[in-house]
Amino acid sequence: MAVSRPIVVILGPTASGKSALALELARRVGAEILSVDSMQVYREMDIGTAKATKAEQHEVRQHLIDLVEPNEVFTVARFVELAERVIRDAGERQVPLITTGGTPLYFKALFEGLFDGPPAQPALRQRLRSLPNEELARRLTEVDPQAAARVHSNDTKRLVRALEVYELTGKPITSFQNEWGAGRLRHQAAWIGLRWDRDVLNRRINARVNSMLTSGWVEETARLLERFGSLSPTATEATGYRELIDHLRGRLTLDEAAEQIKIATRQLARRQMKWFRRWRQVGWIAGDRPIQQLADDALRAWQEPARLTS
């Protein structure tokens, strides 16, 4: 299914300025924004997920944020289902649509289709979840080094899923993923990426973490714990919340938590870029320029047929 206007896809690592560019471009062309972010779906997780402000949401309509409570599980399949509705509706209304966010898997699923794999086996999954992450990572390295290189050792869900697929099929999960999405993209789009020098991006990440902390991120996390008791397994994957929960429970000082968050965020940025660089249809532009110039470049890329893929 294709809409009458190509979707604009704005990619980039965390703290690259993609949300600001999406907003500026949306203002210019009267577009709406589709969030492709697995953590912005959670209500009340605003500061730590760098969610658009209420004023920005009022100015430019934003889809697929604030969908579920932080103690609920949210899946990529659910995201694709809801995103397809948004794309279909925008096409019917002839409204331009900009997609941006920090979850490469969601982009891949939306534009290339879902990787289903074998269904979960509860007993096997429970057995794997009982193992420490270090043991899960070690086992994954033995059976699927490619997957082990991509999955962070703190990412319990994906470690378990990769090992589960191997035990159920006898084949590494990468053997299925290499076949996934090899064909035609599902939506016509203009793909734009923001690139940064790594050292400069790292400084931006550190500064943003500091700003989030001074803006009330610790207090936000405390309110979440007070209201919900704990976060769901998927919500806990949001970078930084796990560390702040450890701080609030006395396991880390605030300085220790802040440093761990900065490290984890820099690692996240590197993983995101590994994903994004695989998509050869992306036209990369330097992110370290005034927002007006970036919007000019993005608008030209959108209007240039050679940049469109389908």
Protein backbone atom coordinates (compact mmCIF):
# COMPACT_ATOMS: atom_id res chain seq x y z
CA MET A 1 0.00 0.00 0.00
CA ALA A 2 1.42 3.40 -0.96
CA VAL A 3 0.18 6.86 -0.13
CA SER A 4 -0.12 9.64 -2.70
CA ARG A 5 2.87 11.49 -1.26
CA PRO A 6 6.14 9.85 -0.25
CA ILE A 7 6.81 9.56 3.45
CA VAL A 8 9.80 11.51 4.70
CA VAL A 9 12.07 9.35 6.87
CA ILE A 10 14.48 11.26 9.12
CA LEU A 11 17.12 9.04 10.72
CA GLY A 12 20.00 9.66 13.06
CA PRO A 13 21.50 8.52 16.33
CA THR A 14 20.18 9.77 19.64
CA ALA A 15 20.95 13.49 20.23
CA SER A 16 21.52 14.09 16.51
CA GLY A 17 18.72 16.65 16.19
CA LYS A 18 16.35 14.55 14.08
CA SER A 19 13.27 15.54 16.12
CA ALA A 20 14.05 19.24 15.71
CA LEU A 21 14.49 18.77 11.96
CA ALA A 22 11.23 16.84 11.70
CA LEU A 23 9.40 19.65 13.50
CA GLU A 24 10.90 22.36 11.31
CA LEU A 25 10.10 20.48 8.12
CA ALA A 26 6.57 19.72 9.34
CA ARG A 27 5.99 23.42 9.98
CA ARG A 28 7.08 24.28 6.46
CA VAL A 29 4.96 21.78 4.58
CA GLY A 30 2.02 21.24 6.92
CA ALA A 31 3.03 17.67 7.70
CA GLU A 32 2.26 15.42 10.65
CA ILE A 33 4.88 13.33 12.46
CA LEU A 34 4.80 9.58 13.01
CA SER A 35 7.03 8.63 15.94
CA VAL A 36 9.07 5.49 15.27
CA ASP A 37 10.26 5.10 18.83
CA SER A 38 9.65 2.13 21.09
CA MET A 39 9.85 4.21 24.29
CA GLN A 40 7.85 7.31 23.39
CA VAL A 41 4.76 5.08 23.31
CA TYR A 42 4.81 5.15 27.12
CA ARG A 43 2.82 7.77 29.00
CA GLU A 44 4.60 9.77 31.70
CA MET A 45 8.03 8.76 30.41
CA ASP A 46 8.59 12.19 28.91
CA ILE A 47 11.97 13.56 29.94
CA GLY A 48 13.96 10.35 29.58
CA THR A 49 12.59 9.57 26.12
CA ALA A 50 13.11 13.14 24.83
CA LYS A 51 9.44 13.32 23.89
CA ALA A 52 8.11 16.38 22.08
CA THR A 53 6.80 19.02 24.46
CA LYS A 54 3.07 19.61 24.83
CA ALA A 55 3.47 22.88 22.92
CA GLU A 56 5.22 21.08 20.05
CA GLN A 57 2.53 18.40 20.01
CA HIS A 58 -0.13 21.10 19.85
CA GLU A 59 1.65 22.86 16.98
CA VAL A 60 2.36 19.71 14.92
CA ARG A 61 0.22 16.61 15.25
CA GLN A 62 2.31 13.67 16.47
CA HIS A 63 1.25 10.05 16.17
CA LEU A 64 2.07 6.97 18.28
CA ILE A 65 3.27 8.66 21.44
CA ASP A 66 1.59 8.25 24.85
CA LEU A 67 -0.20 5.06 23.88
CA VAL A 68 0.23 2.76 26.89
CA GLU A 69 1.09 2.81 30.58
CA PRO A 70 4.71 2.17 31.64
CA ASN A 71 3.76 -1.14 33.25
CA GLU A 72 2.38 -2.50 29.96
CA VAL A 73 4.29 -4.46 27.32
CA PHE A 74 4.40 -2.96 23.83
CA THR A 75 5.50 -4.99 20.80
CA VAL A 76 6.85 -4.22 17.36
CA ALA A 77 3.85 -6.02 15.85
CA ARG A 78 1.50 -3.65 17.65
CA PHE A 79 3.55 -0.69 16.45
CA VAL A 80 3.34 -1.79 12.81
CA GLU A 81 -0.41 -2.31 13.09
CA LEU A 82 -0.96 1.20 14.46
CA ALA A 83 1.57 2.84 12.13
CA GLU A 84 -0.17 1.35 9.09
CA ARG A 85 -3.40 2.99 10.23
CA VAL A 86 -1.68 6.35 10.55
CA ILE A 87 -0.12 6.07 7.08
CA ARG A 88 -3.41 5.03 5.51
CA ASP A 89 -5.29 7.87 7.22
CA ALA A 90 -2.70 10.49 6.25
CA GLY A 91 -2.87 9.31 2.65
CA GLU A 92 -6.66 9.55 2.60
CA ARG A 93 -6.48 13.09 4.01
CA GLN A 94 -3.65 14.05 1.62
CA VAL A 95 -1.49 15.13 4.56
CA PRO A 96 2.31 14.83 4.27
CA LEU A 97 3.83 12.46 6.81
CA ILE A 98 7.27 12.56 8.41
CA THR A 99 8.58 9.56 10.32
CA THR A 100 11.38 9.93 12.82
CA GLY A 101 12.58 8.15 15.94
CA GLY A 102 15.32 6.11 17.49
CA THR A 103 14.23 2.48 17.06
CA PRO A 104 15.82 0.89 13.97
CA LEU A 105 13.87 -2.35 14.40
CA TYR A 106 10.59 -0.43 14.15
CA PHE A 107 11.74 1.26 10.93
CA LYS A 108 12.76 -2.09 9.48
CA ALA A 109 9.49 -3.75 10.43
CA LEU A 110 7.40 -0.88 9.07
CA PHE A 111 9.18 -0.58 5.73
CA GLU A 112 10.35 -4.16 5.13
CA GLY A 113 7.84 -6.23 7.08
CA LEU A 114 7.89 -8.19 10.31
CA PHE A 115 10.31 -11.00 11.07
CA ASP A 116 8.06 -13.58 12.69
CA GLY A 117 10.33 -16.50 13.53
CA PRO A 118 9.11 -19.46 15.55
CA PRO A 119 6.46 -18.76 18.21
CA ALA A 120 7.61 -18.27 21.79
CA GLN A 121 7.76 -21.31 24.04
CA PRO A 122 6.96 -20.14 27.60
CA ALA A 123 8.89 -22.85 29.44
CA LEU A 124 12.02 -22.34 27.35
CA ARG A 125 11.77 -18.57 27.66
CA GLN A 126 11.37 -18.79 31.43
CA ARG A 127 14.43 -21.05 31.68
CA LEU A 128 16.54 -18.64 29.64
CA ARG A 129 15.33 -15.63 31.61
CA SER A 130 16.50 -17.29 34.82
CA LEU A 131 20.10 -17.08 33.60
CA PRO A 132 22.27 -14.00 34.20
CA ASN A 133 22.83 -11.74 31.20
CA GLU A 134 26.53 -12.59 31.15
CA GLU A 135 25.70 -16.27 30.61
CA LEU A 136 23.11 -15.43 27.94
CA ALA A 137 25.63 -13.27 26.09
CA ARG A 138 28.28 -15.99 26.32
CA ARG A 139 25.94 -18.62 24.90
CA LEU A 140 24.81 -16.33 22.10
CA THR A 141 28.44 -15.62 21.16
CA GLU A 142 28.99 -19.36 20.79
CA VAL A 143 25.97 -20.07 18.57
CA ASP A 144 25.48 -16.77 16.73
CA PRO A 145 28.45 -14.37 16.85
CA GLN A 146 26.75 -11.96 14.45
CA ALA A 147 23.75 -11.53 16.72
CA ALA A 148 25.97 -11.33 19.80
CA ALA A 149 27.88 -8.43 18.22
CA ARG A 150 24.62 -6.52 17.70
CA VAL A 151 22.79 -7.21 20.97
CA HIS A 152 23.91 -5.34 24.08
CA SER A 153 24.67 -7.49 27.11
CA ASN A 154 21.99 -5.60 29.09
CA ASP A 155 19.29 -6.32 26.50
CA THR A 156 17.76 -9.37 28.16
CA LYS A 157 14.75 -9.56 25.87
CA ARG A 158 16.76 -9.81 22.65
CA LEU A 159 19.37 -12.12 24.15
CA VAL A 160 16.60 -14.49 25.22
CA ARG A 161 14.81 -14.27 21.88
CA ALA A 162 17.97 -15.00 19.89
CA LEU A 163 18.77 -18.04 22.01
CA GLU A 164 15.14 -19.15 21.93
CA VAL A 165 15.12 -19.10 18.12
CA TYR A 166 18.34 -21.11 18.02
CA GLU A 167 17.09 -23.75 20.45
CA LEU A 168 13.76 -24.11 18.66
CA THR A 169 15.11 -24.23 15.11
CA GLY A 170 18.77 -25.19 15.37
CA LYS A 171 19.55 -22.14 13.23
CA PRO A 172 20.91 -18.75 14.36
CA ILE A 173 18.44 -15.88 14.33
CA THR A 174 20.66 -13.98 11.88
CA SER A 175 20.04 -16.67 9.26
CA PHE A 176 16.36 -15.70 9.34
CA GLN A 177 17.00 -11.98 9.59
CA ASN A 178 19.32 -12.00 6.57
CA GLU A 179 16.39 -13.19 4.49
CA TRP A 180 13.96 -10.74 6.08
CA GLY A 181 13.03 -7.68 4.10
CA ALA A 182 15.26 -8.50 1.13
CA GLY A 183 12.58 -7.44 -1.35
CA ARG A 184 10.69 -4.28 -2.20
CA LEU A 185 10.05 -1.63 0.44
CA ARG A 186 6.44 -1.43 1.54
CA HIS A 187 6.06 2.37 1.39
CA GLN A 188 7.38 5.03 -0.94
CA ALA A 189 9.74 7.27 1.01
CA ALA A 190 12.53 9.82 0.91
CA TRP A 191 15.21 8.72 3.38
CA ILE A 192 17.31 11.43 5.07
CA GLY A 193 20.00 10.82 7.70
CA LEU A 194 21.86 13.18 10.01
CA ARG A 195 25.54 12.39 10.41
CA TRP A 196 27.86 13.71 13.12
CA ASP A 197 31.50 13.41 14.06
CA ARG A 198 31.58 10.83 16.84
CA ASP A 199 33.39 13.01 19.39
CA VAL A 200 31.02 15.90 18.79
CA LEU A 201 28.01 13.61 19.09
CA ASN A 202 29.36 12.16 22.34
CA ARG A 203 29.62 15.67 23.80
CA ARG A 204 26.05 16.37 22.71
CA ILE A 205 24.91 13.16 24.38
CA ASN A 206 26.68 14.02 27.64
CA ALA A 207 25.19 17.52 27.63
CA ARG A 208 21.70 16.19 26.93
CA VAL A 209 21.88 13.70 29.79
CA ASN A 210 22.94 16.51 32.13
CA SER A 211 20.07 18.67 30.89
CA MET A 212 17.55 15.84 31.37
CA LEU A 213 18.72 15.29 34.92
CA THR A 214 18.43 18.98 35.81
CA SER A 215 14.99 19.06 34.16
CA GLY A 216 13.54 16.52 36.60
CA TRP A 217 14.33 13.10 35.18
CA VAL A 218 15.02 11.63 38.63
CA GLU A 219 11.74 12.99 39.94
CA GLU A 220 9.91 11.66 36.88
CA THR A 221 11.33 8.19 37.54
CA ALA A 222 10.36 8.38 41.21
CA ARG A 223 6.77 9.22 40.26
CA LEU A 224 6.67 6.24 37.90
CA LEU A 225 7.81 3.89 40.66
CA GLU A 226 5.35 5.38 43.13
CA ARG A 227 2.43 4.98 40.75
CA PHE A 228 3.25 1.70 39.00
CA GLY A 229 5.64 -0.08 41.36
CA SER A 230 7.84 -1.22 38.48
CA LEU A 231 8.13 -0.75 34.73
CA SER A 232 7.26 -3.41 32.19
CA PRO A 233 10.07 -5.44 30.59
CA THR A 234 9.85 -3.36 27.41
CA ALA A 235 9.62 0.00 29.20
CA THR A 236 12.65 -0.89 31.33
CA GLU A 237 14.71 -1.00 28.14
CA ALA A 238 14.46 2.79 27.84
CA THR A 239 18.01 4.04 28.27
CA GLY A 240 18.57 5.63 31.66
CA TYR A 241 15.53 4.55 33.62
CA ARG A 242 17.14 1.36 34.88
CA GLU A 243 20.11 3.35 36.20
CA LEU A 244 17.89 5.94 37.87
CA ILE A 245 15.82 3.20 39.48
CA ASP A 246 19.06 1.78 40.88
CA HIS A 247 19.88 5.23 42.21
CA LEU A 248 16.47 5.66 43.82
CA ARG A 249 16.82 2.25 45.47
CA GLY A 250 20.21 3.15 46.88
CA ARG A 251 22.36 1.02 44.62
CA LEU A 252 24.03 3.92 42.80
CA THR A 253 24.87 7.51 43.63
CA LEU A 254 23.41 10.09 41.27
CA ASP A 255 26.86 10.76 39.82
CA GLU A 256 27.38 7.04 39.20
CA ALA A 257 23.97 6.74 37.58
CA ALA A 258 24.62 9.77 35.38
CA GLU A 259 27.93 8.37 34.16
CA GLN A 260 26.39 4.98 33.41
CA ILE A 261 23.57 6.65 31.49
CA LYS A 262 26.04 8.61 29.38
CA ILE A 263 27.98 5.45 28.57
CA ALA A 264 24.81 3.51 27.73
CA THR A 265 23.53 6.36 25.54
CA ARG A 266 26.79 6.58 23.61
CA GLN A 267 26.64 2.81 23.07
CA LEU A 268 23.04 3.15 21.89
CA ALA A 269 24.07 5.78 19.35
CA ARG A 270 26.73 3.46 17.92
CA ARG A 271 24.24 0.58 17.63
CA GLN A 272 21.71 2.84 15.92
CA MET A 273 24.23 3.95 13.33
CA LYS A 274 25.24 0.35 12.59
CA TRP A 275 21.63 -0.31 11.72
CA PHE A 276 21.06 2.88 9.74
CA ARG A 277 24.18 2.48 7.60
CA ARG A 278 22.79 -0.77 6.21
CA TRP A 279 20.07 1.14 4.38
CA ARG A 280 21.69 2.33 1.20
CA GLN A 281 18.69 4.44 0.25
CA VAL A 282 19.51 6.99 2.98
CA GLY A 283 20.88 10.36 1.83
CA TRP A 284 23.18 11.55 4.62
CA ILE A 285 23.61 15.23 5.44
CA ALA A 286 25.87 16.88 8.01
CA GLY A 287 23.89 17.59 11.18
CA ASP A 288 26.13 20.36 12.54
CA ARG A 289 24.48 23.21 10.64
CA PRO A 290 21.63 25.65 11.36
CA ILE A 291 18.22 24.04 11.40
CA GLN A 292 17.05 26.20 8.49
CA GLN A 293 19.81 24.81 6.26
CA LEU A 294 19.03 21.26 7.33
CA ALA A 295 15.36 21.79 6.52
CA ASP A 296 16.31 23.18 3.10
CA ASP A 297 18.35 20.05 2.38
CA ALA A 298 15.60 17.76 3.64
CA LEU A 299 13.00 19.53 1.52
CA ARG A 300 15.15 19.18 -1.60
CA ALA A 301 15.71 15.49 -0.88
CA TRP A 302 11.97 15.00 -0.49
CA GLN A 303 11.20 16.72 -3.78
CA GLU A 304 13.97 15.05 -5.79
CA PRO A 305 12.71 11.88 -7.50
CA ALA A 306 16.15 10.24 -7.38
CA ARG A 307 15.94 10.14 -3.59
CA LEU A 308 12.63 8.29 -3.56
CA THR A 309 12.54 4.55 -2.97
CA SER A 310 9.65 2.14 -3.23
